[in-house]
């Protein structure tokens, strides 16, 4: 799948709960620009409804995703 970045949603930083690393995540907003979804060695690709997987979202990503609603 090809994508186009359309905006910046926010950043998350700090120590991750339960692990020893510190990380900075940059979260962008985008749109599909072509191509097709395809699985990779890292896992399966699926479109999901956030309301259905909300309890499975890791770290503090919901703080940023809630800005979308």
N, C-alpha and C. Protein backbone atom coordinates (compact mmCIF):
# COMPACT_ATOMS: atom_id res chain seq x y z
N UNK A 1 0.83 -1.16 0.00
CA UNK A 1 0.00 0.00 0.00
C UNK A 1 0.89 1.23 0.00
N UNK A 2 0.54 2.21 -0.78
CA UNK A 2 1.23 3.50 -0.80
C UNK A 2 0.41 4.49 0.01
N UNK A 3 1.10 5.34 0.74
CA UNK A 3 0.38 6.31 1.56
C UNK A 3 0.95 7.70 1.35
N UNK A 4 0.15 8.69 1.71
CA UNK A 4 0.55 10.08 1.64
C UNK A 4 0.34 10.69 3.02
N UNK A 5 1.37 11.30 3.58
CA UNK A 5 1.23 11.96 4.88
C UNK A 5 0.47 13.26 4.67
N UNK A 6 -0.59 13.44 5.47
CA UNK A 6 -1.42 14.64 5.34
C UNK A 6 -1.35 15.55 6.56
N UNK A 7 -0.73 15.07 7.63
CA UNK A 7 -0.64 15.91 8.82
C UNK A 7 0.17 15.24 9.92
N UNK A 8 0.35 15.97 10.98
CA UNK A 8 1.09 15.53 12.15
C UNK A 8 0.12 15.48 13.32
N UNK A 9 0.02 14.32 13.99
CA UNK A 9 -0.91 14.19 15.11
C UNK A 9 -0.26 14.45 16.46
N UNK A 10 0.98 14.05 16.63
CA UNK A 10 1.64 14.29 17.91
C UNK A 10 2.82 13.37 18.13
N UNK A 11 3.41 13.47 19.31
CA UNK A 11 4.54 12.63 19.68
C UNK A 11 4.29 12.00 21.04
N UNK A 12 4.91 10.88 21.25
CA UNK A 12 4.93 10.20 22.55
C UNK A 12 6.38 9.97 22.87
N UNK A 13 6.77 10.18 24.12
CA UNK A 13 8.15 9.90 24.49
C UNK A 13 8.22 9.44 25.93
N UNK A 14 9.33 8.79 26.24
CA UNK A 14 9.55 8.36 27.60
C UNK A 14 9.81 6.87 27.68
N UNK A 15 9.94 6.40 28.91
CA UNK A 15 10.19 4.99 29.16
C UNK A 15 8.90 4.20 28.95
N UNK A 16 9.01 3.09 28.28
CA UNK A 16 7.87 2.22 28.04
C UNK A 16 7.63 1.33 29.25
N UNK A 17 6.38 1.19 29.68
CA UNK A 17 6.10 0.33 30.84
C UNK A 17 6.53 -1.11 30.59
N UNK A 18 7.23 -1.69 31.54
CA UNK A 18 7.60 -3.09 31.46
C UNK A 18 8.82 -3.41 30.62
N UNK A 19 9.44 -2.40 29.99
CA UNK A 19 10.64 -2.65 29.20
C UNK A 19 11.68 -1.60 29.55
N UNK A 20 12.91 -1.81 29.16
CA UNK A 20 14.01 -0.97 29.58
C UNK A 20 14.34 0.19 28.64
N UNK A 21 13.67 0.29 27.51
CA UNK A 21 14.06 1.31 26.54
C UNK A 21 13.25 2.61 26.70
N UNK A 22 13.84 3.67 26.25
CA UNK A 22 13.16 4.96 26.10
C UNK A 22 12.95 5.16 24.60
N UNK A 23 11.84 5.72 24.24
CA UNK A 23 11.53 5.86 22.82
C UNK A 23 10.83 7.19 22.55
N UNK A 24 10.93 7.63 21.32
CA UNK A 24 10.16 8.77 20.83
C UNK A 24 9.40 8.27 19.61
N UNK A 25 8.09 8.37 19.66
CA UNK A 25 7.24 7.97 18.54
C UNK A 25 6.63 9.23 17.93
N UNK A 26 6.69 9.33 16.62
CA UNK A 26 6.08 10.45 15.90
C UNK A 26 4.88 9.87 15.16
N UNK A 27 3.71 10.45 15.38
CA UNK A 27 2.47 9.91 14.81
C UNK A 27 1.95 10.88 13.76
N UNK A 28 1.80 10.36 12.54
CA UNK A 28 1.34 11.15 11.42
C UNK A 28 -0.08 10.75 11.04
N UNK A 29 -0.77 11.65 10.39
CA UNK A 29 -2.06 11.35 9.77
C UNK A 29 -1.80 11.19 8.28
N UNK A 30 -2.52 10.29 7.65
CA UNK A 30 -2.29 10.08 6.23
C UNK A 30 -3.50 9.51 5.53
N UNK A 31 -3.33 9.26 4.27
CA UNK A 31 -4.39 8.65 3.47
C UNK A 31 -3.77 7.64 2.52
N UNK A 32 -4.59 6.69 2.11
CA UNK A 32 -4.15 5.69 1.15
C UNK A 32 -4.00 6.38 -0.20
N UNK A 33 -2.85 6.17 -0.85
CA UNK A 33 -2.58 6.81 -2.14
C UNK A 33 -2.51 5.79 -3.28
N UNK A 34 -2.70 4.51 -2.97
CA UNK A 34 -2.67 3.50 -4.01
C UNK A 34 -2.14 2.18 -3.49
N UNK A 35 -2.10 1.20 -4.35
CA UNK A 35 -1.58 -0.11 -3.98
C UNK A 35 -2.59 -0.93 -3.19
N UNK A 36 -2.11 -1.99 -2.57
CA UNK A 36 -2.97 -2.89 -1.82
C UNK A 36 -2.26 -3.30 -0.53
N UNK A 37 -3.05 -3.61 0.50
CA UNK A 37 -2.48 -4.11 1.75
C UNK A 37 -1.87 -5.49 1.51
N UNK A 38 -0.72 -5.76 2.16
CA UNK A 38 -0.14 -7.09 2.06
C UNK A 38 0.61 -7.41 3.35
N UNK A 39 0.52 -8.65 3.77
CA UNK A 39 1.20 -9.10 4.98
C UNK A 39 2.71 -9.06 4.79
N UNK A 40 3.44 -9.06 5.91
CA UNK A 40 4.89 -9.06 5.86
C UNK A 40 5.43 -10.01 6.92
N UNK A 41 6.74 -10.09 7.03
CA UNK A 41 7.36 -10.91 8.05
C UNK A 41 7.07 -10.43 9.46
N UNK A 42 6.70 -9.16 9.60
CA UNK A 42 6.38 -8.61 10.91
C UNK A 42 4.97 -8.94 11.37
N UNK A 43 4.09 -9.31 10.46
CA UNK A 43 2.73 -9.64 10.88
C UNK A 43 1.71 -9.50 9.78
N UNK A 44 0.45 -9.58 10.19
CA UNK A 44 -0.67 -9.51 9.27
C UNK A 44 -1.21 -8.09 9.21
N UNK A 45 -1.64 -7.68 8.06
CA UNK A 45 -2.21 -6.35 7.86
C UNK A 45 -3.72 -6.47 7.82
N UNK A 46 -4.39 -5.64 8.61
CA UNK A 46 -5.86 -5.64 8.63
C UNK A 46 -6.35 -4.23 8.92
N UNK A 47 -7.46 -3.84 8.29
CA UNK A 47 -8.16 -2.63 8.69
C UNK A 47 -9.00 -3.00 9.90
N UNK A 48 -8.97 -2.17 10.91
CA UNK A 48 -9.76 -2.45 12.12
C UNK A 48 -10.55 -1.22 12.52
N UNK A 49 -11.62 -1.46 13.27
CA UNK A 49 -12.41 -0.40 13.86
C UNK A 49 -11.80 -0.12 15.24
N UNK A 50 -11.36 1.10 15.49
CA UNK A 50 -10.70 1.43 16.76
C UNK A 50 -11.56 1.05 17.96
N UNK A 51 -12.86 1.24 17.87
CA UNK A 51 -13.74 0.91 19.00
C UNK A 51 -13.66 -0.58 19.35
N UNK A 52 -13.39 -1.42 18.37
CA UNK A 52 -13.34 -2.87 18.60
C UNK A 52 -12.00 -3.33 19.17
N UNK A 53 -10.94 -2.56 19.02
CA UNK A 53 -9.61 -2.97 19.49
C UNK A 53 -9.03 -2.01 20.53
N UNK A 54 -9.84 -1.10 20.99
CA UNK A 54 -9.38 -0.04 21.91
C UNK A 54 -8.61 -0.58 23.11
N UNK A 55 -9.07 -1.65 23.71
CA UNK A 55 -8.42 -2.22 24.89
C UNK A 55 -7.08 -2.86 24.57
N UNK A 56 -6.77 -3.06 23.30
CA UNK A 56 -5.52 -3.71 22.89
C UNK A 56 -4.46 -2.71 22.43
N UNK A 57 -4.79 -1.42 22.39
CA UNK A 57 -3.85 -0.42 21.93
C UNK A 57 -2.75 -0.23 22.97
N UNK A 58 -1.50 -0.32 22.53
CA UNK A 58 -0.36 -0.28 23.44
C UNK A 58 0.03 1.14 23.84
N UNK A 59 0.72 1.20 24.96
CA UNK A 59 1.33 2.43 25.47
C UNK A 59 0.29 3.54 25.58
N UNK A 60 0.64 4.76 25.19
CA UNK A 60 -0.27 5.89 25.31
C UNK A 60 -0.81 6.36 23.97
N UNK A 61 -0.86 5.47 22.98
CA UNK A 61 -1.30 5.88 21.65
C UNK A 61 -2.74 6.39 21.65
N UNK A 62 -3.57 5.93 22.58
CA UNK A 62 -4.95 6.41 22.61
C UNK A 62 -5.03 7.91 22.85
N UNK A 63 -4.06 8.47 23.57
CA UNK A 63 -4.06 9.92 23.81
C UNK A 63 -4.02 10.68 22.48
N UNK A 64 -3.27 10.16 21.53
CA UNK A 64 -3.18 10.80 20.23
C UNK A 64 -4.37 10.43 19.36
N UNK A 65 -4.74 9.15 19.35
CA UNK A 65 -5.85 8.70 18.50
C UNK A 65 -7.16 9.36 18.92
N UNK A 66 -7.32 9.68 20.20
CA UNK A 66 -8.55 10.35 20.65
C UNK A 66 -8.67 11.75 20.08
N UNK A 67 -7.56 12.34 19.62
CA UNK A 67 -7.63 13.64 18.99
C UNK A 67 -8.37 13.58 17.65
N UNK A 68 -8.45 12.41 17.06
CA UNK A 68 -9.11 12.25 15.77
C UNK A 68 -10.63 12.33 15.88
N UNK A 69 -11.15 12.02 17.06
CA UNK A 69 -12.61 11.99 17.19
C UNK A 69 -13.17 13.30 17.69
